Amino acid sequence: MLKERPVPLQLGNAAPRAKVDTSYTWLAMYFFLNLSLTIYNKAILSTFHFSFPWTLTGIHTLCSGLGALAMARLGYFTPATLGERENMVMLMFSFLYTLNIAI
């Protein structure tokens, strides 16, 4: 028997609001979450005297990836198909994130 996919949350019958340029929103969220994760990592590393920052980052990345995969498989979102430009932007953000961990 097929399971029904979850329905995205909808609040009443209100008309959708005008879209804001979400690229700035996502960029701001990226920097805020990146800063939060960096501070959290530093707290973990200093509190527990864990001297393997790359391992800690790998654990965070693995858990995030598994969580995103589970949410996609359960139908909560559909991963976007990225073009060449988007893949390059993703690669640059990944490099920036890795550089942040290294420093």
Protein backbone atom coordinates (compact mmCIF):
# COMPACT_ATOMS: atom_id res chain seq x y z
CA MET A 1 0.00 0.00 0.00
CA LEU A 2 1.35 3.44 -0.92
CA LYS A 3 1.86 5.94 1.85
CA GLU A 4 0.54 9.45 1.36
CA ARG A 5 3.15 12.14 1.19
CA PRO A 6 2.98 14.87 3.84
CA VAL A 7 1.18 18.01 2.73
CA PRO A 8 3.18 21.23 3.15
CA LEU A 9 1.80 23.51 5.84
CA GLN A 10 -0.78 25.95 4.47
CA LEU A 11 -2.35 28.63 6.60
CA GLY A 12 -5.97 29.23 5.59
CA ASN A 13 -7.06 30.33 2.15
CA ALA A 14 -5.00 33.51 2.10
CA ALA A 15 -3.47 34.53 -1.19
CA PRO A 16 0.27 33.97 -1.41
CA ARG A 17 2.38 36.99 -0.55
CA ALA A 18 4.63 38.67 -3.06
CA LYS A 19 7.99 36.95 -3.26
CA VAL A 20 10.96 38.65 -1.71
CA ASP A 21 14.34 38.20 -3.37
CA THR A 22 15.22 35.00 -1.57
CA SER A 23 18.84 34.90 -2.69
CA TYR A 24 19.73 37.48 -0.02
CA THR A 25 17.66 35.63 2.56
CA TRP A 26 19.41 32.33 1.84
CA LEU A 27 22.82 34.03 1.86
CA ALA A 28 22.09 35.68 5.22
CA MET A 29 20.84 32.37 6.61
CA TYR A 30 23.98 30.61 5.36
CA PHE A 31 26.29 33.07 7.09
CA PHE A 32 24.24 33.07 10.31
CA LEU A 33 24.08 29.27 10.47
CA ASN A 34 27.74 28.96 9.49
CA LEU A 35 28.73 31.35 12.28
CA SER A 36 26.50 29.48 14.75
CA LEU A 37 28.02 26.13 13.80
CA THR A 38 31.54 27.54 14.09
CA ILE A 39 30.87 28.86 17.59
CA TYR A 40 29.21 25.57 18.56
CA ASN A 41 32.19 23.60 17.22
CA LYS A 42 34.62 25.75 19.15
CA ALA A 43 32.58 25.21 22.33
CA ILE A 44 32.58 21.43 21.81
CA LEU A 45 36.29 21.36 21.00
CA SER A 46 37.25 23.40 24.05
CA THR A 47 34.76 21.95 26.55
CA PHE A 48 35.51 18.30 25.83
CA HIS A 49 39.14 18.81 24.77
CA PHE A 50 38.30 17.11 21.48
CA SER A 51 41.23 17.92 19.20
CA PHE A 52 39.83 16.64 15.90
CA PRO A 53 37.96 19.54 14.23
CA TRP A 54 37.80 17.84 10.82
CA THR A 55 36.22 14.75 12.42
CA LEU A 56 33.64 16.87 14.23
CA THR A 57 32.79 18.64 10.98
CA GLY A 58 32.54 15.30 9.21
CA ILE A 59 30.11 14.01 11.85
CA HIS A 60 27.96 17.15 11.49
CA THR A 61 28.00 16.83 7.70
CA LEU A 62 27.10 13.13 7.82
CA CYS A 63 24.17 13.72 10.19
CA SER A 64 22.91 16.67 8.14
CA GLY A 65 23.15 14.67 4.92
CA LEU A 66 21.31 11.69 6.39
CA GLY A 67 18.61 13.98 7.80
CA ALA A 68 18.15 15.73 4.45
CA LEU A 69 18.03 12.38 2.62
CA ALA A 70 15.39 11.07 5.03
CA MET A 71 13.27 14.22 4.66
CA ALA A 72 13.51 14.02 0.85
CA ARG A 73 12.58 10.33 0.83
CA LEU A 74 9.60 11.02 3.10
CA GLY A 75 8.39 13.65 0.64
CA TYR A 76 8.86 16.78 2.72
CA PHE A 77 10.73 18.44 -0.15
CA THR A 78 11.97 17.67 -3.62
CA PRO A 79 15.67 18.32 -4.19
CA ALA A 80 16.29 20.84 -6.95
CA THR A 81 18.16 19.90 -10.08
CA LEU A 82 21.10 22.28 -10.28
CA GLY A 83 22.59 23.67 -13.44
CA GLU A 84 26.26 24.33 -14.09
CA ARG A 85 26.14 27.81 -12.52
CA GLU A 86 24.36 26.58 -9.39
CA ASN A 87 26.82 23.71 -9.01
CA MET A 88 29.69 26.20 -9.19
CA VAL A 89 28.07 28.39 -6.53
CA MET A 90 27.56 25.29 -4.34
CA LEU A 91 31.22 24.35 -4.83
CA MET A 92 32.35 27.85 -3.84
CA PHE A 93 30.21 27.81 -0.69
CA SER A 94 31.59 24.37 0.16
CA PHE A 95 35.12 25.67 -0.28
CA LEU A 96 34.34 28.70 1.90
CA TYR A 97 32.87 26.44 4.59
CA THR A 98 35.90 24.12 4.49
CA LEU A 99 38.28 27.07 4.63
CA ASN A 100 36.39 28.40 7.66
CA ILE A 101 36.86 25.07 9.45
CA ALA A 102 40.53 24.93 8.54
CA ILE A 103 41.20 28.43 9.88
